[in-house]
Amino acid sequence: MAIEKSVASASIAEVVDRILDKGIVIDAFVRVSLVGIELIAIEVRAVVASIESWLKYAEAVGLTVEPAAA
């Protein structure tokens, strides 16, 4: 009896398509302080997504700005 092994592999195009479809959000905050004095504060927010996914994310976190009425 032979054992067959199935390996699912994805091409780079499939991976990029999936990332653009679902999106990736990286949000980080780093604070370095010494004796209660803040020395360094770094905030990083990176989003890799399609425009549609980004607009959904931006609306969800309140980053969209409504145009001013003339």
Protein backbone atom coordinates (compact mmCIF):
# COMPACT_ATOMS: atom_id res chain seq x y z
CA MET A 1 0.00 0.00 0.00
CA ALA A 2 1.50 3.31 -1.11
CA ILE A 3 1.02 6.45 0.94
CA GLU A 4 0.25 9.53 -1.09
CA LYS A 5 1.03 12.92 0.31
CA SER A 6 -0.89 15.95 -0.84
CA VAL A 7 0.90 19.27 -0.47
CA ALA A 8 -1.10 22.42 -1.02
CA SER A 9 1.10 25.10 -2.46
CA ALA A 10 0.18 28.63 -3.45
CA SER A 11 1.85 30.74 -6.05
CA ILE A 12 2.99 34.26 -5.22
CA ALA A 13 0.13 35.61 -7.35
CA GLU A 14 -2.42 33.74 -5.23
CA VAL A 15 -0.83 35.04 -2.02
CA VAL A 16 -0.81 38.65 -3.26
CA ASP A 17 -4.40 38.31 -4.46
CA ARG A 18 -5.47 37.02 -1.05
CA ILE A 19 -3.65 39.82 0.77
CA LEU A 20 -5.21 42.46 -1.45
CA ASP A 21 -8.64 40.88 -1.03
CA LYS A 22 -8.55 40.52 2.76
CA GLY A 23 -5.81 43.00 3.67
CA ILE A 24 -3.20 43.10 6.39
CA VAL A 25 -3.14 45.70 9.14
CA ILE A 26 -0.11 46.15 11.38
CA ASP A 27 -0.55 48.52 14.29
CA ALA A 28 2.24 48.98 16.85
CA PHE A 29 3.13 51.43 19.60
CA VAL A 30 6.53 51.53 21.30
CA ARG A 31 7.37 53.71 24.27
CA VAL A 32 10.78 53.88 25.94
CA SER A 33 11.01 55.72 29.24
CA LEU A 34 13.63 56.09 31.92
CA VAL A 35 12.71 57.06 35.48
CA GLY A 36 9.28 58.22 34.34
CA ILE A 37 10.65 60.40 31.49
CA GLU A 38 9.52 59.40 28.03
CA LEU A 39 12.57 59.22 25.78
CA ILE A 40 11.15 57.71 22.60
CA ALA A 41 7.61 57.15 21.39
CA ILE A 42 7.06 55.41 18.05
CA GLU A 43 3.68 54.66 16.52
CA VAL A 44 3.50 52.52 13.40
CA ARG A 45 0.39 51.84 11.37
CA ALA A 46 0.83 49.95 8.11
CA VAL A 47 -1.96 48.72 5.89
CA VAL A 48 -1.55 46.53 2.81
CA ALA A 49 -4.90 46.10 1.12
CA SER A 50 -6.95 46.93 -1.91
CA ILE A 51 -8.62 50.34 -2.04
CA GLU A 52 -11.97 48.75 -1.20
CA SER A 53 -10.57 46.96 1.86
CA TRP A 54 -8.73 50.12 2.98
CA LEU A 55 -11.91 52.20 2.76
CA LYS A 56 -13.78 49.64 4.88
CA TYR A 57 -10.98 49.70 7.47
CA ALA A 58 -10.72 53.50 7.45
CA GLU A 59 -14.45 53.86 7.95
CA ALA A 60 -14.43 51.33 10.79
CA VAL A 61 -11.70 53.16 12.73
CA GLY A 62 -12.90 56.67 11.89
CA LEU A 63 -10.14 57.74 9.50
CA THR A 64 -12.47 58.91 6.75
CA VAL A 65 -13.25 62.60 6.47
CA GLU A 66 -16.58 63.77 5.13
CA PRO A 67 -16.26 66.51 2.48
CA ALA A 68 -17.28 69.97 3.65
CA ALA A 69 -20.55 71.33 2.32
CA ALA A 70 -20.11 74.33 0.03
